[in-house]
Amino acid sequence: MARIKIARKNVIGPELCRLRVRMGWSQEYLATKCQLMGWDITRLTITRIEARNRLVADYEILLLAKVMQVNPTALLPYRANLRQLMPSGGIRK
């Protein structure tokens, strides 16, 4: 099976960054709060998520939302541009 190269690996990165900054939290602080919930995560991982260079599992979205005390939908963009997520050539029918 061929692997598909994805341009952006998640859609939550920019929203996660906006919320974190709005809350006055550093990446290190967010990582520490996640660690206290039992998730083995580092500041570098938070950086990679925010830069959309790391895939994010559904349970990780739920954990981030719980740590930040927001609804998980707050981490999703209002509008997602699917063309940005797909490799060059866009979406094929």
C-alpha atoms as a PDB file:
ATOM      1  CA  MET A   1       0.000   0.000   0.000  1.00  0.00           C
ATOM      2  CA  ALA A   2       1.397   3.393  -0.967  1.00  0.00           C
ATOM      3  CA  ARG A   3       1.728   6.061   1.692  1.00  0.00           C
ATOM      4  CA  ILE A   4       0.177   9.439   0.998  1.00  0.00           C
ATOM      5  CA  LYS A   5       2.299  12.414   1.947  1.00  0.00           C
ATOM      6  CA  ILE A   6       0.167  14.937   3.779  1.00  0.00           C
ATOM      7  CA  ALA A   7       1.186  18.590   3.614  1.00  0.00           C
ATOM      8  CA  ARG A   8      -0.174  19.435   7.068  1.00  0.00           C
ATOM      9  CA  LYS A   9      -0.487  16.717   9.677  1.00  0.00           C
ATOM     10  CA  ASN A  10      -3.276  18.228  11.791  1.00  0.00           C
ATOM     11  CA  VAL A  11      -5.917  20.948  11.771  1.00  0.00           C
ATOM     12  CA  ILE A  12      -5.782  21.866  15.465  1.00  0.00           C
ATOM     13  CA  GLY A  13      -2.285  23.386  15.624  1.00  0.00           C
ATOM     14  CA  PRO A  14      -3.144  27.031  14.967  1.00  0.00           C
ATOM     15  CA  GLU A  15      -6.205  26.922  17.253  1.00  0.00           C
ATOM     16  CA  LEU A  16      -4.213  25.216  20.005  1.00  0.00           C
ATOM     17  CA  CYS A  17      -1.603  27.970  19.774  1.00  0.00           C
ATOM     18  CA  ARG A  18      -4.227  30.751  19.805  1.00  0.00           C
ATOM     19  CA  LEU A  19      -5.991  29.305  22.841  1.00  0.00           C
ATOM     20  CA  ARG A  20      -2.755  28.651  24.707  1.00  0.00           C
ATOM     21  CA  VAL A  21      -1.494  32.199  24.121  1.00  0.00           C
ATOM     22  CA  ARG A  22      -4.898  33.680  25.021  1.00  0.00           C
ATOM     23  CA  MET A  23      -4.728  31.749  28.311  1.00  0.00           C
ATOM     24  CA  GLY A  24      -1.238  33.114  28.971  1.00  0.00           C
ATOM     25  CA  TRP A  25       0.303  29.637  28.994  1.00  0.00           C
ATOM     26  CA  SER A  26       3.738  28.752  27.663  1.00  0.00           C
ATOM     27  CA  GLN A  27       4.272  25.575  25.684  1.00  0.00           C
ATOM     28  CA  GLU A  28       6.251  24.238  28.650  1.00  0.00           C
ATOM     29  CA  TYR A  29       3.349  24.940  31.015  1.00  0.00           C
ATOM     30  CA  LEU A  30       0.853  23.185  28.722  1.00  0.00           C
ATOM     31  CA  ALA A  31       3.183  20.178  28.419  1.00  0.00           C
ATOM     32  CA  THR A  32       3.550  20.039  32.218  1.00  0.00           C
ATOM     33  CA  LYS A  33      -0.233  20.160  32.731  1.00  0.00           C
ATOM     34  CA  CYS A  34      -0.618  17.313  30.210  1.00  0.00           C
ATOM     35  CA  GLN A  35       2.089  15.325  32.000  1.00  0.00           C
ATOM     36  CA  LEU A  36       0.194  15.714  35.270  1.00  0.00           C
ATOM     37  CA  MET A  37      -2.791  14.096  33.517  1.00  0.00           C
ATOM     38  CA  GLY A  38      -0.586  11.134  32.585  1.00  0.00           C
ATOM     39  CA  TRP A  39       0.358  12.029  29.001  1.00  0.00           C
ATOM     40  CA  ASP A  40       4.092  11.691  28.322  1.00  0.00           C
ATOM     41  CA  ILE A  41       4.539  14.836  26.219  1.00  0.00           C
ATOM     42  CA  THR A  42       7.246  17.478  25.944  1.00  0.00           C
ATOM     43  CA  ARG A  43       7.380  21.125  24.974  1.00  0.00           C
ATOM     44  CA  LEU A  44       8.901  20.042  21.653  1.00  0.00           C
ATOM     45  CA  THR A  45       5.826  17.909  20.934  1.00  0.00           C
ATOM     46  CA  ILE A  46       3.556  20.891  21.634  1.00  0.00           C
ATOM     47  CA  THR A  47       5.720  22.921  19.219  1.00  0.00           C
ATOM     48  CA  ARG A  48       5.363  20.258  16.525  1.00  0.00           C
ATOM     49  CA  ILE A  49       1.577  20.053  17.017  1.00  0.00           C
ATOM     50  CA  GLU A  50       1.194  23.836  16.800  1.00  0.00           C
ATOM     51  CA  ALA A  51       3.373  23.900  13.662  1.00  0.00           C
ATOM     52  CA  ARG A  52       1.148  21.140  12.212  1.00  0.00           C
ATOM     53  CA  ASN A  53       4.160  18.854  11.840  1.00  0.00           C
ATOM     54  CA  ARG A  54       2.758  16.078  14.041  1.00  0.00           C
ATOM     55  CA  LEU A  55      -0.334  13.937  13.722  1.00  0.00           C
ATOM     56  CA  VAL A  56      -2.718  14.275  16.656  1.00  0.00           C
ATOM     57  CA  ALA A  57      -4.857  11.336  17.737  1.00  0.00           C
ATOM     58  CA  ASP A  58      -8.477  11.876  18.678  1.00  0.00           C
ATOM     59  CA  TYR A  59      -7.829  10.986  22.320  1.00  0.00           C
ATOM     60  CA  GLU A  60      -5.020  13.581  22.387  1.00  0.00           C
ATOM     61  CA  ILE A  61      -7.470  16.260  21.251  1.00  0.00           C
ATOM     62  CA  LEU A  62      -9.775  15.241  24.089  1.00  0.00           C
ATOM     63  CA  LEU A  63      -6.924  15.363  26.600  1.00  0.00           C
ATOM     64  CA  LEU A  64      -5.755  18.786  25.402  1.00  0.00           C
ATOM     65  CA  ALA A  65      -9.321  20.091  25.676  1.00  0.00           C
ATOM     66  CA  LYS A  66      -9.660  18.710  29.198  1.00  0.00           C
ATOM     67  CA  VAL A  67      -6.352  20.205  30.325  1.00  0.00           C
ATOM     68  CA  MET A  68      -7.286  23.576  28.825  1.00  0.00           C
ATOM     69  CA  GLN A  69     -10.854  23.315  30.151  1.00  0.00           C
ATOM     70  CA  VAL A  70     -12.446  23.942  26.757  1.00  0.00           C
ATOM     71  CA  ASN A  71     -14.831  22.012  24.567  1.00  0.00           C
ATOM     72  CA  PRO A  72     -12.894  19.824  22.102  1.00  0.00           C
ATOM     73  CA  THR A  73     -14.549  21.704  19.236  1.00  0.00           C
ATOM     74  CA  ALA A  74     -12.700  24.844  20.405  1.00  0.00           C
ATOM     75  CA  LEU A  75      -9.527  23.209  19.066  1.00  0.00           C
ATOM     76  CA  LEU A  76     -11.005  22.744  15.605  1.00  0.00           C
ATOM     77  CA  PRO A  77     -10.788  25.531  13.044  1.00  0.00           C
ATOM     78  CA  TYR A  78     -13.947  27.350  12.090  1.00  0.00           C
ATOM     79  CA  ARG A  79     -13.218  26.520   8.459  1.00  0.00           C
ATOM     80  CA  ALA A  80     -10.692  23.953   7.292  1.00  0.00           C
ATOM     81  CA  ASN A  81      -9.045  24.352   3.926  1.00  0.00           C
ATOM     82  CA  LEU A  82      -8.724  20.729   2.801  1.00  0.00           C
ATOM     83  CA  ARG A  83      -6.455  21.693  -0.076  1.00  0.00           C
ATOM     84  CA  GLN A  84      -3.822  22.775   2.456  1.00  0.00           C
ATOM     85  CA  LEU A  85      -3.943  19.342   4.063  1.00  0.00           C
ATOM     86  CA  MET A  86      -3.584  17.295   0.905  1.00  0.00           C
ATOM     87  CA  PRO A  87      -0.486  16.748  -1.210  1.00  0.00           C
ATOM     88  CA  SER A  88      -0.092  18.840  -4.330  1.00  0.00           C
ATOM     89  CA  GLY A  89      -2.850  18.066  -6.759  1.00  0.00           C
ATOM     90  CA  GLY A  90      -5.592  18.560  -4.189  1.00  0.00           C
ATOM     91  CA  ILE A  91      -8.559  16.322  -3.620  1.00  0.00           C
ATOM     92  CA  ARG A  92      -9.537  13.885  -6.300  1.00  0.00           C
ATOM     93  CA  LYS A  93     -13.021  12.466  -6.732  1.00  0.00           C
END
